Amino acid sequence: MSARADSDGLWHLHGQQNNWILPPKAPLILRLPVIRQLRAVWHEGQVDRHNQFWRSVGTIPTGYDEWVLYAIWRGWC
């Protein structure tokens, strides 16, 4: 099995274990290869800023945002 298939399988498992649901799919143009990867990088910056704030007040991120970022990178949402 490839590393990508392993990662995808773990991603699906992690989502099931936490009962996470993906947000609605973005329009097709935003899910094209280069565009979706740029979207994922931009959103990653937003997530980092968001998590940095919440860590500063003593909370721990759940991992949902990173889970969604992976889906964006892969073109699933």
C-alpha atoms as a PDB file:
ATOM      1  CA  MET A   1       0.000   0.000   0.000  1.00  0.00           C
ATOM      2  CA  SER A   2       1.293   3.471  -0.810  1.00  0.00           C
ATOM      3  CA  ALA A   3       2.056   6.159   1.745  1.00  0.00           C
ATOM      4  CA  ARG A   4      -0.757   8.276   0.299  1.00  0.00           C
ATOM      5  CA  ALA A   5      -3.271   5.452   0.733  1.00  0.00           C
ATOM      6  CA  ASP A   6      -2.049   4.977   4.322  1.00  0.00           C
ATOM      7  CA  SER A   7      -2.451   8.689   5.023  1.00  0.00           C
ATOM      8  CA  ASP A   8      -5.907   8.766   3.458  1.00  0.00           C
ATOM      9  CA  GLY A   9      -6.970   5.743   5.477  1.00  0.00           C
ATOM     10  CA  LEU A  10      -5.734   7.270   8.712  1.00  0.00           C
ATOM     11  CA  TRP A  11      -7.468  10.535   7.808  1.00  0.00           C
ATOM     12  CA  HIS A  12     -10.790   8.721   7.299  1.00  0.00           C
ATOM     13  CA  LEU A  13     -10.332   6.753  10.519  1.00  0.00           C
ATOM     14  CA  HIS A  14      -9.519   9.881  12.517  1.00  0.00           C
ATOM     15  CA  GLY A  15     -12.640  11.584  11.178  1.00  0.00           C
ATOM     16  CA  GLN A  16     -14.830   8.613  12.051  1.00  0.00           C
ATOM     17  CA  GLN A  17     -13.405   8.310  15.554  1.00  0.00           C
ATOM     18  CA  ASN A  18     -14.191  11.952  16.248  1.00  0.00           C
ATOM     19  CA  ASN A  19     -17.510  12.088  14.347  1.00  0.00           C
ATOM     20  CA  TRP A  20     -16.183  14.913  12.212  1.00  0.00           C
ATOM     21  CA  ILE A  21     -18.026  15.987   9.072  1.00  0.00           C
ATOM     22  CA  LEU A  22     -16.487  17.956   6.234  1.00  0.00           C
ATOM     23  CA  PRO A  23     -17.868  21.362   5.328  1.00  0.00           C
ATOM     24  CA  PRO A  24     -19.715  21.596   1.982  1.00  0.00           C
ATOM     25  CA  LYS A  25     -17.596  21.157  -1.133  1.00  0.00           C
ATOM     26  CA  ALA A  26     -16.093  24.264  -2.648  1.00  0.00           C
ATOM     27  CA  PRO A  27     -16.880  25.042  -6.290  1.00  0.00           C
ATOM     28  CA  LEU A  28     -14.954  22.847  -8.732  1.00  0.00           C
ATOM     29  CA  ILE A  29     -12.595  25.670  -9.756  1.00  0.00           C
ATOM     30  CA  LEU A  30     -11.385  25.933  -6.146  1.00  0.00           C
ATOM     31  CA  ARG A  31     -10.743  22.186  -5.992  1.00  0.00           C
ATOM     32  CA  LEU A  32      -8.388  22.089  -8.982  1.00  0.00           C
ATOM     33  CA  PRO A  33      -4.825  20.963  -8.147  1.00  0.00           C
ATOM     34  CA  VAL A  34      -2.798  24.166  -7.829  1.00  0.00           C
ATOM     35  CA  ILE A  35      -5.694  26.302  -6.624  1.00  0.00           C
ATOM     36  CA  ARG A  36      -6.704  23.876  -3.874  1.00  0.00           C
ATOM     37  CA  GLN A  37      -3.134  23.707  -2.622  1.00  0.00           C
ATOM     38  CA  LEU A  38      -2.893  27.494  -2.484  1.00  0.00           C
ATOM     39  CA  ARG A  39      -6.218  27.524  -0.619  1.00  0.00           C
ATOM     40  CA  ALA A  40      -4.903  24.966   1.861  1.00  0.00           C
ATOM     41  CA  VAL A  41      -1.740  27.004   2.508  1.00  0.00           C
ATOM     42  CA  TRP A  42      -3.741  30.205   3.003  1.00  0.00           C
ATOM     43  CA  HIS A  43      -6.212  28.501   5.342  1.00  0.00           C
ATOM     44  CA  GLU A  44      -3.336  26.896   7.230  1.00  0.00           C
ATOM     45  CA  GLY A  45      -2.093  30.380   8.085  1.00  0.00           C
ATOM     46  CA  GLN A  46      -5.556  31.295   9.327  1.00  0.00           C
ATOM     47  CA  VAL A  47      -5.769  28.118  11.414  1.00  0.00           C
ATOM     48  CA  ASP A  48      -2.313  28.729  12.901  1.00  0.00           C
ATOM     49  CA  ARG A  49      -3.316  32.238  13.942  1.00  0.00           C
ATOM     50  CA  HIS A  50      -6.602  30.977  15.388  1.00  0.00           C
ATOM     51  CA  ASN A  51      -4.927  28.138  17.306  1.00  0.00           C
ATOM     52  CA  GLN A  52      -2.185  30.437  18.564  1.00  0.00           C
ATOM     53  CA  PHE A  53      -4.805  32.635  20.211  1.00  0.00           C
ATOM     54  CA  TRP A  54      -6.621  29.721  21.835  1.00  0.00           C
ATOM     55  CA  ARG A  55      -3.366  28.177  23.066  1.00  0.00           C
ATOM     56  CA  SER A  56      -2.508  31.520  24.686  1.00  0.00           C
ATOM     57  CA  VAL A  57      -5.631  31.247  26.854  1.00  0.00           C
ATOM     58  CA  GLY A  58      -4.890  27.645  27.802  1.00  0.00           C
ATOM     59  CA  THR A  59      -6.990  25.520  25.448  1.00  0.00           C
ATOM     60  CA  ILE A  60      -5.829  22.694  23.205  1.00  0.00           C
ATOM     61  CA  PRO A  61      -6.998  22.511  19.553  1.00  0.00           C
ATOM     62  CA  THR A  62      -9.042  19.440  18.664  1.00  0.00           C
ATOM     63  CA  GLY A  63      -7.335  18.795  15.328  1.00  0.00           C
ATOM     64  CA  TYR A  64     -10.515  19.313  13.308  1.00  0.00           C
ATOM     65  CA  ASP A  65      -9.087  22.293  11.448  1.00  0.00           C
ATOM     66  CA  GLU A  66      -6.005  20.344  10.365  1.00  0.00           C
ATOM     67  CA  TRP A  67      -8.269  17.456   9.354  1.00  0.00           C
ATOM     68  CA  VAL A  68     -10.216  19.825   7.085  1.00  0.00           C
ATOM     69  CA  LEU A  69      -6.969  21.300   5.707  1.00  0.00           C
ATOM     70  CA  TYR A  70      -5.919  17.821   4.585  1.00  0.00           C
ATOM     71  CA  ALA A  71      -9.257  17.440   2.792  1.00  0.00           C
ATOM     72  CA  ILE A  72      -8.797  20.799   1.079  1.00  0.00           C
ATOM     73  CA  TRP A  73      -5.282  19.797  -0.018  1.00  0.00           C
ATOM     74  CA  ARG A  74      -6.660  16.561  -1.484  1.00  0.00           C
ATOM     75  CA  GLY A  75      -9.589  18.341  -3.192  1.00  0.00           C
ATOM     76  CA  TRP A  76     -12.337  16.737  -1.128  1.00  0.00           C
ATOM     77  CA  CYS A  77     -13.883  19.975   0.071  1.00  0.00           C
END
